[in-house]
C-alpha atoms as a PDB file:
ATOM      1  CA  MET A   1     212.650  71.547  91.246  1.00  0.00           C
ATOM      2  CA  THR A   2     215.100  69.575  89.126  1.00  0.00           C
ATOM      3  CA  ARG A   3     216.258  70.949  85.797  1.00  0.00           C
ATOM      4  CA  SER A   4     214.622  68.105  83.852  1.00  0.00           C
ATOM      5  CA  ARG A   5     211.285  68.622  85.641  1.00  0.00           C
ATOM      6  CA  SER A   6     211.528  72.384  85.092  1.00  0.00           C
ATOM      7  CA  HIS A   7     212.319  71.761  81.407  1.00  0.00           C
ATOM      8  CA  ARG A   8     209.327  69.409  81.073  1.00  0.00           C
ATOM      9  CA  LEU A   9     207.039  71.974  82.699  1.00  0.00           C
ATOM     10  CA  ARG A  10     208.201  74.727  80.339  1.00  0.00           C
ATOM     11  CA  ARG A  11     207.799  72.461  77.306  1.00  0.00           C
ATOM     12  CA  GLY A  12     204.387  71.458  78.609  1.00  0.00           C
ATOM     13  CA  ALA A  13     203.385  75.112  78.855  1.00  0.00           C
ATOM     14  CA  LEU A  14     204.369  75.667  75.224  1.00  0.00           C
ATOM     15  CA  GLY A  15     202.424  72.580  74.223  1.00  0.00           C
ATOM     16  CA  LEU A  16     199.410  73.888  76.099  1.00  0.00           C
ATOM     17  CA  ALA A  17     199.737  77.259  74.382  1.00  0.00           C
ATOM     18  CA  LEU A  18     199.745  75.570  70.978  1.00  0.00           C
ATOM     19  CA  ALA A  19     196.817  73.355  71.934  1.00  0.00           C
ATOM     20  CA  LEU A  20     194.816  76.380  72.985  1.00  0.00           C
ATOM     21  CA  THR A  21     195.519  78.139  69.710  1.00  0.00           C
ATOM     22  CA  ALA A  22     194.659  75.045  67.682  1.00  0.00           C
ATOM     23  CA  GLY A  23     190.963  75.691  68.266  1.00  0.00           C
ATOM     24  CA  ALA A  24     189.536  78.279  65.912  1.00  0.00           C
ATOM     25  CA  ALA A  25     188.211  81.509  67.319  1.00  0.00           C
ATOM     26  CA  SER A  26     184.499  81.361  67.931  1.00  0.00           C
ATOM     27  CA  PRO A  27     182.416  82.688  65.033  1.00  0.00           C
ATOM     28  CA  ALA A  28     181.072  85.424  67.322  1.00  0.00           C
ATOM     29  CA  SER A  29     184.615  86.611  68.025  1.00  0.00           C
ATOM     30  CA  ALA A  30     185.543  89.755  66.102  1.00  0.00           C
ATOM     31  CA  ASP A  31     189.275  89.436  66.822  1.00  0.00           C
ATOM     32  CA  THR A  32     190.900  86.737  64.692  1.00  0.00           C
ATOM     33  CA  THR A  33     194.473  87.924  65.315  1.00  0.00           C
ATOM     34  CA  PRO A  34     196.631  84.939  66.319  1.00  0.00           C
ATOM     35  CA  LYS A  35     197.710  84.944  69.963  1.00  0.00           C
ATOM     36  CA  ILE A  36     201.473  85.178  70.497  1.00  0.00           C
ATOM     37  CA  TRP A  37     202.850  83.575  73.647  1.00  0.00           C
ATOM     38  CA  THR A  38     206.203  84.638  75.045  1.00  0.00           C
ATOM     39  CA  ARG A  39     208.306  83.457  77.948  1.00  0.00           C
ATOM     40  CA  VAL A  40     211.816  83.914  79.295  1.00  0.00           C
ATOM     41  CA  THR A  41     213.982  80.928  80.203  1.00  0.00           C
ATOM     42  CA  ASP A  42     216.385  80.662  83.127  1.00  0.00           C
ATOM     43  CA  ASN A  43     219.309  81.475  80.810  1.00  0.00           C
ATOM     44  CA  ASP A  44     217.730  84.691  79.444  1.00  0.00           C
ATOM     45  CA  GLU A  45     216.438  83.244  76.195  1.00  0.00           C
ATOM     46  CA  VAL A  46     213.152  84.668  75.012  1.00  0.00           C
ATOM     47  CA  ILE A  47     210.802  82.258  73.283  1.00  0.00           C
ATOM     48  CA  ALA A  48     207.767  83.342  71.301  1.00  0.00           C
ATOM     49  CA  VAL A  49     205.203  80.922  69.880  1.00  0.00           C
ATOM     50  CA  VAL A  50     202.322  81.511  67.484  1.00  0.00           C
ATOM     51  CA  ARG A  51     200.007  79.447  65.304  1.00  0.00           C
ATOM     52  CA  ILE A  52     199.707  80.927  61.818  1.00  0.00           C
ATOM     53  CA  ASP A  53     196.770  79.887  59.647  1.00  0.00           C
ATOM     54  CA  ALA A  54     198.885  79.052  56.610  1.00  0.00           C
ATOM     55  CA  PRO A  55     200.614  75.916  55.354  1.00  0.00           C
ATOM     56  CA  LEU A  56     204.214  75.253  56.383  1.00  0.00           C
ATOM     57  CA  GLU A  57     205.625  76.033  52.922  1.00  0.00           C
ATOM     58  CA  THR A  58     203.958  79.456  52.842  1.00  0.00           C
ATOM     59  CA  VAL A  59     205.496  80.371  56.214  1.00  0.00           C
ATOM     60  CA  ARG A  60     208.862  78.888  55.186  1.00  0.00           C
ATOM     61  CA  LYS A  61     208.920  81.090  52.062  1.00  0.00           C
ATOM     62  CA  ALA A  62     208.408  84.187  54.242  1.00  0.00           C
ATOM     63  CA  LEU A  63     211.489  83.257  56.306  1.00  0.00           C
ATOM     64  CA  ILE A  64     213.724  81.579  53.712  1.00  0.00           C
ATOM     65  CA  SER A  65     216.217  84.432  53.395  1.00  0.00           C
ATOM     66  CA  ALA A  66     218.029  85.920  56.364  1.00  0.00           C
ATOM     67  CA  GLU A  67     217.516  89.424  55.012  1.00  0.00           C
ATOM     68  CA  LYS A  68     213.768  88.910  54.774  1.00  0.00           C
ATOM     69  CA  ALA A  69     213.548  87.294  58.233  1.00  0.00           C
ATOM     70  CA  HIS A  70     215.487  90.197  59.776  1.00  0.00           C
ATOM     71  CA  SER A  71     213.290  92.741  57.990  1.00  0.00           C
ATOM     72  CA  TYR A  72     210.366  91.762  60.250  1.00  0.00           C
ATOM     73  CA  ALA A  73     212.254  92.880  63.390  1.00  0.00           C
ATOM     74  CA  PRO A  74     211.591  96.515  64.320  1.00  0.00           C
ATOM     75  CA  THR A  75     215.163  96.885  65.574  1.00  0.00           C
ATOM     76  CA  THR A  76     216.868  95.864  62.303  1.00  0.00           C
ATOM     77  CA  LEU A  77     218.449  98.781  60.470  1.00  0.00           C
ATOM     78  CA  ALA A  78     220.271  96.663  57.872  1.00  0.00           C
ATOM     79  CA  ALA A  79     220.889  92.989  57.178  1.00  0.00           C
ATOM     80  CA  ARG A  80     223.126  91.971  54.280  1.00  0.00           C
ATOM     81  CA  ALA A  81     223.492  88.251  53.675  1.00  0.00           C
ATOM     82  CA  THR A  82     226.105  86.417  51.643  1.00  0.00           C
ATOM     83  CA  THR A  83     226.248  82.713  50.911  1.00  0.00           C
ATOM     84  CA  ASP A  84     228.510  80.715  53.227  1.00  0.00           C
ATOM     85  CA  GLY A  85     228.268  77.077  52.117  1.00  0.00           C
ATOM     86  CA  THR A  86     224.724  75.952  52.913  1.00  0.00           C
ATOM     87  CA  CYS A  87     224.422  78.857  55.358  1.00  0.00           C
ATOM     88  CA  GLU A  88     224.221  82.631  55.136  1.00  0.00           C
ATOM     89  CA  ARG A  89     226.677  85.059  56.715  1.00  0.00           C
ATOM     90  CA  ILE A  90     224.891  88.223  57.794  1.00  0.00           C
ATOM     91  CA  ALA A  91     226.300  91.698  58.327  1.00  0.00           C
ATOM     92  CA  LEU A  92     223.776  93.043  60.797  1.00  0.00           C
ATOM     93  CA  ARG A  93     223.063  96.567  62.083  1.00  0.00           C
ATOM     94  CA  VAL A  94     220.405  96.940  64.758  1.00  0.00           C
ATOM     95  CA  LYS A  95     219.145  99.783  66.910  1.00  0.00           C
ATOM     96  CA  GLY A  96     221.359 100.261  69.938  1.00  0.00           C
ATOM     97  CA  LEU A  97     221.025 102.339  73.050  1.00  0.00           C
ATOM     98  CA  PHE A  98     222.865 105.382  71.658  1.00  0.00           C
ATOM     99  CA  SER A  99     224.150 104.238  68.289  1.00  0.00           C
ATOM    100  CA  PRO A 100     223.612 101.149  66.114  1.00  0.00           C
ATOM    101  CA  PHE A 101     224.983  97.808  67.247  1.00  0.00           C
ATOM    102  CA  VAL A 102     226.910  95.853  64.626  1.00  0.00           C
ATOM    103  CA  ALA A 103     227.419  92.101  64.392  1.00  0.00           C
ATOM    104  CA  THR A 104     228.288  89.357  61.977  1.00  0.00           C
ATOM    105  CA  THR A 105     226.175  86.240  62.351  1.00  0.00           C
ATOM    106  CA  ARG A 106     225.839  82.924  60.557  1.00  0.00           C
ATOM    107  CA  ARG A 107     222.390  81.488  59.791  1.00  0.00           C
ATOM    108  CA  CYS A 108     222.127  77.834  58.844  1.00  0.00           C
ATOM    109  CA  PRO A 109     219.163  75.666  57.898  1.00  0.00           C
ATOM    110  CA  THR A 110     218.085  72.977  60.368  1.00  0.00           C
ATOM    111  CA  SER A 111     215.660  70.094  59.889  1.00  0.00           C
ATOM    112  CA  ASP A 112     212.765  72.296  60.998  1.00  0.00           C
ATOM    113  CA  GLY A 113     213.908  75.894  60.487  1.00  0.00           C
ATOM    114  CA  TRP A 114     217.055  77.969  60.920  1.00  0.00           C
ATOM    115  CA  LEU A 115     219.677  78.612  63.595  1.00  0.00           C
ATOM    116  CA  GLU A 116     221.650  81.855  63.671  1.00  0.00           C
ATOM    117  CA  LYS A 117     224.686  82.405  65.900  1.00  0.00           C
ATOM    118  CA  LEU A 118     227.096  85.230  66.569  1.00  0.00           C
ATOM    119  CA  VAL A 119     230.367  85.135  64.620  1.00  0.00           C
ATOM    120  CA  GLU A 120     231.856  88.421  65.787  1.00  0.00           C
ATOM    121  CA  SER A 121     230.868  91.720  67.351  1.00  0.00           C
ATOM    122  CA  ASP A 122     232.197  94.414  69.627  1.00  0.00           C
ATOM    123  CA  ASP A 123     228.632  95.149  70.768  1.00  0.00           C
ATOM    124  CA  PHE A 124     227.341  91.635  71.554  1.00  0.00           C
ATOM    125  CA  SER A 125     228.933  88.984  73.734  1.00  0.00           C
ATOM    126  CA  ASP A 126     226.269  86.436  72.773  1.00  0.00           C
ATOM    127  CA  TYR A 127     223.524  86.250  70.182  1.00  0.00           C
ATOM    128  CA  LEU A 128     221.437  83.300  69.087  1.00  0.00           C
ATOM    129  CA  ALA A 129     218.232  83.224  67.062  1.00  0.00           C
ATOM    130  CA  GLU A 130     216.353  80.073  66.174  1.00  0.00           C
ATOM    131  CA  TRP A 131     213.239  79.661  64.050  1.00  0.00           C
ATOM    132  CA  LYS A 132     211.393  76.334  64.271  1.00  0.00           C
ATOM    133  CA  LEU A 133     208.382  75.571  62.093  1.00  0.00           C
ATOM    134  CA  GLN A 134     205.953  72.734  62.707  1.00  0.00           C
ATOM    135  CA  SER A 135     203.147  71.740  60.350  1.00  0.00           C
ATOM    136  CA  MET A 136     199.691  71.582  61.894  1.00  0.00           C
ATOM    137  CA  GLY A 137     197.825  70.607  58.713  1.00  0.00           C
ATOM    138  CA  ASP A 138     196.569  73.871  57.190  1.00  0.00           C
ATOM    139  CA  ALA A 139     198.357  75.879  59.893  1.00  0.00           C
ATOM    140  CA  THR A 140     201.944  76.235  61.092  1.00  0.00           C
ATOM    141  CA  ALA A 141     203.304  76.527  64.609  1.00  0.00           C
ATOM    142  CA  VAL A 142     206.179  79.012  64.712  1.00  0.00           C
ATOM    143  CA  HIS A 143     208.674  78.930  67.582  1.00  0.00           C
ATOM    144  CA  TYR A 144     211.119  81.837  67.673  1.00  0.00           C
ATOM    145  CA  ARG A 145     213.893  81.711  70.300  1.00  0.00           C
ATOM    146  CA  VAL A 146     216.399  84.533  70.855  1.00  0.00           C
ATOM    147  CA  ARG A 147     219.232  85.121  73.295  1.00  0.00           C
ATOM    148  CA  THR A 148     220.851  88.557  73.272  1.00  0.00           C
ATOM    149  CA  ILE A 149     223.686  89.573  75.596  1.00  0.00           C
ATOM    150  CA  ILE A 150     225.134  93.011  74.854  1.00  0.00           C
ATOM    151  CA  ASN A 151     228.426  94.552  75.965  1.00  0.00           C
ATOM    152  CA  VAL A 152     226.776  97.521  77.646  1.00  0.00           C
ATOM    153  CA  SER A 153     226.239  98.089  81.355  1.00  0.00           C
ATOM    154  CA  VAL A 154     222.482  97.729  81.564  1.00  0.00           C
ATOM    155  CA  PRO A 155     220.531  95.127  83.514  1.00  0.00           C
ATOM    156  CA  GLN A 156     219.997  91.933  81.513  1.00  0.00           C
ATOM    157  CA  SER A 157     216.353  92.012  82.621  1.00  0.00           C
ATOM    158  CA  MET A 158     215.935  95.248  80.658  1.00  0.00           C
ATOM    159  CA  ILE A 159     217.432  93.636  77.536  1.00  0.00           C
ATOM    160  CA  THR A 160     215.253  90.554  77.981  1.00  0.00           C
ATOM    161  CA  SER A 161     212.120  92.660  78.422  1.00  0.00           C
ATOM    162  CA  GLN A 162     212.873  94.600  75.240  1.00  0.00           C
ATOM    163  CA  THR A 163     213.679  91.368  73.365  1.00  0.00           C
ATOM    164  CA  ARG A 164     210.290  89.997  74.378  1.00  0.00           C
ATOM    165  CA  LYS A 165     208.554  93.035  72.817  1.00  0.00           C
ATOM    166  CA  VAL A 166     210.690  92.780  69.675  1.00  0.00           C
ATOM    167  CA  LEU A 167     209.832  89.094  69.194  1.00  0.00           C
ATOM    168  CA  LYS A 168     206.122  89.817  69.500  1.00  0.00           C
ATOM    169  CA  THR A 169     206.323  92.603  66.903  1.00  0.00           C
ATOM    170  CA  THR A 170     208.499  90.429  64.654  1.00  0.00           C
ATOM    171  CA  LEU A 171     205.910  87.647  64.691  1.00  0.00           C
ATOM    172  CA  GLN A 172     203.079  90.133  64.069  1.00  0.00           C
ATOM    173  CA  ARG A 173     204.956  91.345  60.980  1.00  0.00           C
ATOM    174  CA  LEU A 174     205.599  87.769  59.861  1.00  0.00           C
ATOM    175  CA  ILE A 175     201.868  87.019  60.163  1.00  0.00           C
ATOM    176  CA  ALA A 176     201.068  90.105  58.056  1.00  0.00           C
ATOM    177  CA  ALA A 177     203.610  89.048  55.401  1.00  0.00           C
ATOM    178  CA  VAL A 178     202.200  85.516  55.273  1.00  0.00           C
ATOM    179  CA  ASP A 179     198.635  86.862  55.060  1.00  0.00           C
ATOM    180  CA  ALA A 180     199.660  89.188  52.201  1.00  0.00           C
ATOM    181  CA  ALA A 181     201.248  86.265  50.343  1.00  0.00           C
ATOM    182  CA  SER A 182     198.158  84.049  50.708  1.00  0.00           C
END
């Protein structure tokens, strides 16, 4: 399968996931918790997608600061942001295998969210986190993409599997924060 066809299929799957969540839960359904879809790309990025029943601006407010966005992740021990032009520079401490991992990242606004990249770290060789928000009328589609490569001898599949769980929990906490703000 060619890369462009593979890319189209993956994008199509995300589109399908959003289309499926666009329909409201049936009135007889007791569980109204939004469904969170996750997948892993060929280059070890984990993507999580959810439809939150809140307007775009309400979701944006819950993610506007890097410190607040990082507070939703169960692995974040500390996140201290300072202004860096139109971006934020973040001193980040997260749970590691035996001791905390430390990194400095830079989070910048994009046209539809934020992009955060690794600046320096002895613990990470690569880190990228991207939030994309898309208005769906009274709801918002949230796409959260993360790539984490650590400088520890463990299988990348183990890191990716853990990242997938972290993204799901992070989005669950974001949903709770948005619900509390509504």
